[in-house]
N, C-alpha and C. Protein backbone atom coordinates (compact mmCIF):
# COMPACT_ATOMS: atom_id res chain seq x y z
N MET A 1 30.01 8.20 -24.99
CA MET A 1 29.34 6.91 -24.93
C MET A 1 28.78 6.60 -26.31
N HIS A 2 29.01 5.42 -26.76
CA HIS A 2 28.51 4.95 -28.04
C HIS A 2 26.98 4.93 -28.00
N PRO A 3 26.30 5.30 -29.10
CA PRO A 3 24.83 5.31 -29.09
C PRO A 3 24.21 3.98 -28.68
N ASP A 4 24.76 2.85 -29.16
CA ASP A 4 24.20 1.55 -28.80
C ASP A 4 24.34 1.28 -27.30
N ALA A 5 25.45 1.70 -26.72
CA ALA A 5 25.64 1.54 -25.27
C ALA A 5 24.64 2.38 -24.49
N LEU A 6 24.38 3.60 -24.97
CA LEU A 6 23.40 4.47 -24.31
C LEU A 6 22.02 3.84 -24.37
N ILE A 7 21.66 3.29 -25.51
CA ILE A 7 20.35 2.64 -25.66
C ILE A 7 20.24 1.46 -24.70
N ARG A 8 21.24 0.60 -24.68
CA ARG A 8 21.20 -0.58 -23.79
C ARG A 8 21.13 -0.17 -22.33
N ARG A 9 21.96 0.79 -21.94
CA ARG A 9 21.99 1.23 -20.55
C ARG A 9 20.67 1.87 -20.15
N GLY A 10 20.12 2.69 -21.04
CA GLY A 10 18.83 3.31 -20.74
C GLY A 10 17.74 2.28 -20.53
N ARG A 11 17.64 1.32 -21.41
CA ARG A 11 16.62 0.27 -21.28
C ARG A 11 16.84 -0.57 -20.03
N HIS A 12 18.10 -0.86 -19.74
CA HIS A 12 18.43 -1.65 -18.55
C HIS A 12 17.94 -0.97 -17.27
N HIS A 13 17.97 0.35 -17.25
CA HIS A 13 17.58 1.10 -16.05
C HIS A 13 16.14 1.62 -16.11
N GLY A 14 15.34 1.10 -17.04
CA GLY A 14 13.91 1.41 -17.04
C GLY A 14 13.49 2.62 -17.85
N TRP A 15 14.35 3.15 -18.70
CA TRP A 15 13.98 4.28 -19.54
C TRP A 15 13.40 3.76 -20.85
N THR A 16 12.42 4.48 -21.40
CA THR A 16 11.91 4.21 -22.74
C THR A 16 12.82 4.95 -23.70
N VAL A 17 13.31 4.26 -24.72
CA VAL A 17 14.29 4.84 -25.63
C VAL A 17 13.69 4.97 -27.02
N THR A 18 13.85 6.15 -27.63
CA THR A 18 13.45 6.36 -29.02
C THR A 18 14.61 7.01 -29.77
N THR A 19 14.67 6.72 -31.05
CA THR A 19 15.67 7.35 -31.92
C THR A 19 14.93 8.02 -33.06
N ASP A 20 15.59 8.97 -33.70
CA ASP A 20 14.97 9.61 -34.86
C ASP A 20 15.97 9.67 -36.00
N ALA A 21 15.53 10.22 -37.12
CA ALA A 21 16.38 10.29 -38.31
C ALA A 21 17.64 11.11 -38.05
N ALA A 22 17.50 12.17 -37.30
CA ALA A 22 18.68 12.95 -36.91
C ALA A 22 19.47 12.10 -35.93
N PRO A 23 20.75 12.32 -35.84
CA PRO A 23 21.52 11.50 -34.89
C PRO A 23 21.22 11.90 -33.45
N ALA A 24 20.08 11.44 -32.94
CA ALA A 24 19.67 11.76 -31.57
C ALA A 24 18.98 10.58 -30.93
N ILE A 25 19.14 10.47 -29.62
CA ILE A 25 18.47 9.45 -28.83
C ILE A 25 17.72 10.17 -27.72
N THR A 26 16.46 9.82 -27.55
CA THR A 26 15.65 10.38 -26.46
C THR A 26 15.30 9.27 -25.49
N LEU A 27 15.55 9.55 -24.22
CA LEU A 27 15.24 8.60 -23.16
C LEU A 27 14.13 9.23 -22.31
N GLU A 28 13.11 8.44 -21.99
CA GLU A 28 11.98 8.96 -21.22
C GLU A 28 11.71 8.06 -20.02
N ARG A 29 11.58 8.71 -18.91
CA ARG A 29 11.13 8.07 -17.68
C ARG A 29 10.20 9.08 -17.05
N HIS A 30 8.92 8.89 -17.31
CA HIS A 30 7.91 9.90 -17.00
C HIS A 30 8.13 10.52 -15.64
N PRO A 31 8.17 11.82 -15.54
CA PRO A 31 7.99 12.87 -16.54
C PRO A 31 9.32 13.42 -17.09
N TRP A 32 10.39 12.70 -16.97
CA TRP A 32 11.71 13.17 -17.38
C TRP A 32 12.04 12.74 -18.80
N HIS A 33 12.70 13.62 -19.55
CA HIS A 33 13.17 13.33 -20.91
C HIS A 33 14.61 13.79 -21.04
N ILE A 34 15.46 12.92 -21.55
CA ILE A 34 16.85 13.27 -21.84
C ILE A 34 17.06 13.04 -23.34
N THR A 35 17.56 14.05 -24.03
CA THR A 35 17.87 13.92 -25.45
C THR A 35 19.36 14.12 -25.64
N VAL A 36 19.99 13.16 -26.29
CA VAL A 36 21.42 13.22 -26.57
C VAL A 36 21.61 13.23 -28.07
N THR A 37 22.36 14.23 -28.59
CA THR A 37 22.65 14.28 -30.02
C THR A 37 24.08 13.78 -30.25
N PHE A 38 24.28 13.25 -31.44
CA PHE A 38 25.57 12.65 -31.80
C PHE A 38 26.08 13.20 -33.12
N THR A 39 27.39 13.21 -33.25
CA THR A 39 28.06 13.40 -34.53
C THR A 39 28.80 12.09 -34.76
N GLY A 40 28.29 11.30 -35.69
CA GLY A 40 28.83 9.95 -35.85
C GLY A 40 28.48 9.15 -34.60
N MET A 41 29.50 8.63 -33.94
CA MET A 41 29.30 7.86 -32.72
C MET A 41 29.67 8.64 -31.46
N VAL A 42 29.92 9.93 -31.62
CA VAL A 42 30.38 10.76 -30.51
C VAL A 42 29.23 11.64 -30.00
N PRO A 43 28.91 11.56 -28.69
CA PRO A 43 27.86 12.43 -28.16
C PRO A 43 28.32 13.88 -28.19
N ARG A 44 27.42 14.78 -28.60
CA ARG A 44 27.77 16.20 -28.72
C ARG A 44 27.02 17.07 -27.72
N THR A 45 25.73 16.85 -27.58
CA THR A 45 24.93 17.66 -26.65
C THR A 45 23.94 16.76 -25.93
N ALA A 46 23.52 17.21 -24.77
CA ALA A 46 22.48 16.51 -24.02
C ALA A 46 21.61 17.55 -23.33
N PHE A 47 20.32 17.30 -23.35
CA PHE A 47 19.35 18.20 -22.73
C PHE A 47 18.38 17.39 -21.90
N ILE A 48 17.88 17.99 -20.82
CA ILE A 48 16.90 17.32 -19.98
C ILE A 48 15.69 18.23 -19.80
N THR A 49 14.51 17.64 -19.77
CA THR A 49 13.29 18.34 -19.41
C THR A 49 12.60 17.54 -18.33
N GLY A 50 11.90 18.24 -17.49
CA GLY A 50 11.19 17.58 -16.40
C GLY A 50 10.52 18.59 -15.51
N PRO A 51 9.93 18.12 -14.42
CA PRO A 51 9.20 19.00 -13.52
C PRO A 51 10.08 20.13 -12.99
N GLY A 52 9.54 21.32 -13.06
CA GLY A 52 10.22 22.49 -12.50
C GLY A 52 11.31 23.08 -13.38
N LEU A 53 11.58 22.49 -14.54
CA LEU A 53 12.64 23.03 -15.40
C LEU A 53 12.12 24.01 -16.43
N GLY A 54 10.84 23.93 -16.75
CA GLY A 54 10.27 24.85 -17.73
C GLY A 54 10.63 24.49 -19.15
N LYS A 55 11.89 24.65 -19.52
CA LYS A 55 12.33 24.33 -20.87
C LYS A 55 13.50 23.35 -20.79
N ALA A 56 13.87 22.81 -21.94
CA ALA A 56 15.00 21.88 -21.98
C ALA A 56 16.26 22.60 -21.51
N ARG A 57 17.01 21.95 -20.64
CA ARG A 57 18.24 22.52 -20.09
C ARG A 57 19.42 21.65 -20.50
N PRO A 58 20.53 22.27 -20.89
CA PRO A 58 21.71 21.47 -21.27
C PRO A 58 22.31 20.79 -20.04
N ILE A 59 22.78 19.57 -20.22
CA ILE A 59 23.41 18.84 -19.12
C ILE A 59 24.81 18.39 -19.52
N ASN A 60 25.62 18.22 -18.51
CA ASN A 60 26.98 17.75 -18.69
C ASN A 60 26.93 16.30 -19.19
N LEU A 61 27.61 16.03 -20.30
CA LEU A 61 27.60 14.67 -20.88
C LEU A 61 28.14 13.64 -19.91
N ARG A 62 29.04 14.03 -19.03
CA ARG A 62 29.62 13.09 -18.07
C ARG A 62 28.65 12.66 -16.98
N ARG A 63 27.52 13.32 -16.89
CA ARG A 63 26.53 13.00 -15.85
C ARG A 63 25.39 12.12 -16.36
N ILE A 64 25.40 11.76 -17.62
CA ILE A 64 24.29 10.97 -18.17
C ILE A 64 24.15 9.64 -17.46
N ASN A 65 25.24 8.93 -17.24
CA ASN A 65 25.14 7.63 -16.56
C ASN A 65 24.51 7.75 -15.19
N THR A 66 24.87 8.79 -14.45
CA THR A 66 24.29 9.00 -13.12
C THR A 66 22.79 9.20 -13.22
N LEU A 67 22.35 9.97 -14.21
CA LEU A 67 20.92 10.19 -14.40
C LEU A 67 20.20 8.90 -14.77
N LEU A 68 20.80 8.12 -15.66
CA LEU A 68 20.17 6.87 -16.08
C LEU A 68 20.01 5.89 -14.92
N ARG A 69 21.00 5.84 -14.03
CA ARG A 69 20.96 4.90 -12.91
C ARG A 69 20.10 5.38 -11.75
N ALA A 70 19.77 6.65 -11.71
CA ALA A 70 19.03 7.21 -10.57
C ALA A 70 17.62 6.63 -10.49
N SER A 71 17.17 6.45 -9.26
CA SER A 71 15.79 6.02 -9.06
C SER A 71 14.88 7.19 -9.43
N PRO A 72 13.62 6.91 -9.80
CA PRO A 72 12.72 8.00 -10.16
C PRO A 72 12.62 9.08 -9.08
N ALA A 73 12.70 8.69 -7.84
CA ALA A 73 12.61 9.66 -6.75
C ALA A 73 13.84 10.56 -6.66
N ASP A 74 14.98 10.11 -7.21
CA ASP A 74 16.22 10.86 -7.11
C ASP A 74 16.63 11.59 -8.38
N ILE A 75 15.88 11.45 -9.44
CA ILE A 75 16.27 12.06 -10.71
C ILE A 75 16.36 13.58 -10.59
N ALA A 76 15.43 14.21 -9.90
CA ALA A 76 15.45 15.68 -9.79
C ALA A 76 16.75 16.16 -9.15
N GLU A 77 17.19 15.49 -8.12
CA GLU A 77 18.44 15.88 -7.45
C GLU A 77 19.63 15.73 -8.41
N HIS A 78 19.69 14.60 -9.11
CA HIS A 78 20.79 14.38 -10.04
C HIS A 78 20.71 15.33 -11.24
N ALA A 79 19.50 15.66 -11.67
CA ALA A 79 19.33 16.60 -12.78
C ALA A 79 19.87 17.97 -12.39
N ALA A 80 19.59 18.41 -11.17
CA ALA A 80 20.08 19.72 -10.71
C ALA A 80 21.61 19.75 -10.73
N GLN A 81 22.24 18.64 -10.40
CA GLN A 81 23.70 18.56 -10.40
C GLN A 81 24.26 18.48 -11.81
N ALA A 82 23.49 17.94 -12.75
CA ALA A 82 23.97 17.73 -14.12
C ALA A 82 23.78 18.94 -15.02
N ILE A 83 22.86 19.84 -14.66
CA ILE A 83 22.55 20.98 -15.53
C ILE A 83 23.77 21.88 -15.65
N MET A 84 24.13 22.17 -16.90
CA MET A 84 25.29 23.01 -17.18
C MET A 84 25.09 24.40 -16.56
N GLY A 85 26.09 24.83 -15.84
CA GLY A 85 26.01 26.12 -15.19
C GLY A 85 25.33 26.05 -13.83
N GLY A 86 24.81 24.86 -13.48
CA GLY A 86 24.16 24.67 -12.18
C GLY A 86 25.20 24.36 -11.12
N CYS A 87 24.74 24.14 -9.91
CA CYS A 87 25.64 23.91 -8.80
C CYS A 87 26.51 22.68 -9.00
N GLY A 88 26.02 21.67 -9.72
CA GLY A 88 26.81 20.47 -9.93
C GLY A 88 27.88 20.63 -10.98
N ASP A 89 27.83 21.72 -11.74
CA ASP A 89 28.79 21.93 -12.82
C ASP A 89 29.94 22.83 -12.38
N ARG A 90 29.87 23.37 -11.19
CA ARG A 90 30.91 24.27 -10.70
C ARG A 90 32.11 23.48 -10.19
N ALA A 91 33.25 24.10 -10.31
CA ALA A 91 34.46 23.47 -9.80
C ALA A 91 34.42 23.45 -8.28
N GLN A 92 34.95 22.40 -7.71
CA GLN A 92 35.00 22.29 -6.25
C GLN A 92 36.26 22.96 -5.75
N PRO A 93 36.20 23.68 -4.64
CA PRO A 93 37.41 24.31 -4.11
C PRO A 93 38.42 23.24 -3.66
N ALA A 94 39.68 23.57 -3.79
CA ALA A 94 40.73 22.64 -3.37
C ALA A 94 40.72 22.51 -1.86
N GLY A 95 41.05 21.33 -1.39
CA GLY A 95 41.10 21.08 0.06
C GLY A 95 42.35 21.69 0.68
N PRO A 96 42.43 21.61 2.01
CA PRO A 96 43.60 22.22 2.70
C PRO A 96 44.90 21.55 2.36
């Protein structure tokens, strides 16, 4: 996702957006924080902090849109699915 698109989408869904000198964007929706780093216009890493996480946890870049669109009451559920190595990051078994 292009940095400008991430900023627009975050603001559209009620997140406070900040940028810094390093190629990073931080989105805040109290008490949740998502930080996405970029190389040029390409997202490279994303981390989330919030209640019950203790420290920043890496999240799957493909799940950022889901987190941004989630209602405040549902962010924790979506965060658990987005955390790398968490239950949402595992491959699903093939059907019959």
